[in-house]
Amino acid sequence: RPPFGELTALQAVWLAGTGRRVAFWNRDSRDYRGASAGEIAAIGACLQERDMLLLHDRYPATVQALPDLLRALRGRGLRPVA
């Protein structure tokens, strides 16, 4: 994924030439803005099939929220993929 969701035309051409694919997200956890573990986990109730959620593993709240988030997704029949 491109940092900050920004991709220049030159980068897009280069990526296409190397056969690489770009992944953009459409849901933002806002973990980088200090969202709590509860706020991050609650996003699981809103996610739909094929949504891409932006998460950063360097924030303790994100790591703490992950088990609850995954449980919520699986409980709704959604399967997270890398």
Protein backbone atom coordinates (compact mmCIF):
# COMPACT_ATOMS: atom_id res chain seq x y z
CA ARG A 1 0.00 0.00 0.00
CA PRO A 2 1.32 3.47 -0.71
CA PRO A 3 2.15 5.57 2.36
CA PHE A 4 -0.60 8.06 3.17
CA GLY A 5 -2.63 6.56 0.30
CA GLU A 6 -0.75 8.66 -2.22
CA LEU A 7 0.58 7.28 -5.47
CA THR A 8 2.12 9.35 -8.24
CA ALA A 9 1.58 8.56 -11.90
CA LEU A 10 5.25 7.63 -12.24
CA GLN A 11 4.98 5.18 -9.34
CA ALA A 12 1.82 3.65 -10.84
CA VAL A 13 3.57 3.12 -14.18
CA TRP A 14 6.60 1.59 -12.48
CA LEU A 15 4.43 -0.77 -10.41
CA ALA A 16 2.45 -1.84 -13.46
CA GLY A 17 5.69 -2.56 -15.28
CA THR A 18 6.89 -4.81 -12.47
CA GLY A 19 3.60 -6.71 -12.26
CA ARG A 20 2.94 -5.53 -8.73
CA ARG A 21 -0.51 -4.63 -7.50
CA VAL A 22 -1.44 -1.75 -5.25
CA ALA A 23 -3.79 -2.11 -2.30
CA PHE A 24 -5.69 0.92 -1.07
CA TRP A 25 -7.83 0.96 2.04
CA ASN A 26 -11.37 2.26 2.30
CA ARG A 27 -11.72 2.09 6.10
CA ASP A 28 -9.39 3.90 8.46
CA SER A 29 -8.96 2.81 12.09
CA ARG A 30 -7.41 6.17 12.97
CA ASP A 31 -5.07 4.31 15.26
CA TYR A 32 -2.35 6.82 14.37
CA ARG A 33 -4.57 9.55 15.87
CA GLY A 34 -4.83 7.81 19.22
CA ALA A 35 -7.98 5.75 18.81
CA SER A 36 -8.56 3.48 21.78
CA ALA A 37 -8.60 -0.30 21.55
CA GLY A 38 -12.36 -0.21 22.04
CA GLU A 39 -12.84 2.26 19.20
CA ILE A 40 -10.69 0.19 16.88
CA ALA A 41 -12.43 -3.08 17.79
CA ALA A 42 -15.85 -1.47 17.26
CA ILE A 43 -15.00 -0.95 13.58
CA GLY A 44 -15.61 -4.69 13.15
CA ALA A 45 -19.36 -4.05 13.39
CA CYS A 46 -19.21 -1.70 10.39
CA LEU A 47 -16.95 -3.58 8.00
CA GLN A 48 -18.42 -5.17 4.91
CA GLU A 49 -17.13 -7.85 2.57
CA ARG A 50 -14.15 -6.58 0.53
CA ASP A 51 -13.46 -3.61 2.84
CA MET A 52 -9.80 -2.87 3.47
CA LEU A 53 -9.04 -1.62 6.98
CA LEU A 54 -5.92 0.42 7.64
CA LEU A 55 -4.17 -0.73 10.83
CA HIS A 56 -0.67 -0.10 12.16
CA ASP A 57 0.97 -2.72 14.37
CA ARG A 58 3.21 -0.18 16.06
CA TYR A 59 0.38 1.20 18.22
CA PRO A 60 -0.41 -0.71 21.42
CA ALA A 61 -4.15 0.01 21.12
CA THR A 62 -4.22 -1.63 17.69
CA VAL A 63 -2.45 -4.73 18.93
CA GLN A 64 -4.78 -4.88 21.93
CA ALA A 65 -7.89 -4.48 19.72
CA LEU A 66 -6.95 -7.10 17.16
CA PRO A 67 -8.34 -10.22 18.93
CA ASP A 68 -11.72 -8.53 19.50
CA LEU A 69 -11.76 -7.13 15.98
CA LEU A 70 -11.03 -10.53 14.44
CA ARG A 71 -13.63 -12.20 16.66
CA ALA A 72 -16.25 -9.64 15.54
CA LEU A 73 -15.42 -10.19 11.87
CA ARG A 74 -15.55 -13.97 12.13
CA GLY A 75 -18.79 -13.74 14.10
CA ARG A 76 -20.31 -11.92 11.13
CA GLY A 77 -19.02 -14.50 8.67
CA LEU A 78 -16.20 -12.31 7.34
CA ARG A 79 -12.76 -13.75 6.79
CA PRO A 80 -9.74 -11.50 7.15
CA VAL A 81 -6.97 -11.94 4.58
CA ALA A 82 -3.47 -10.53 4.28
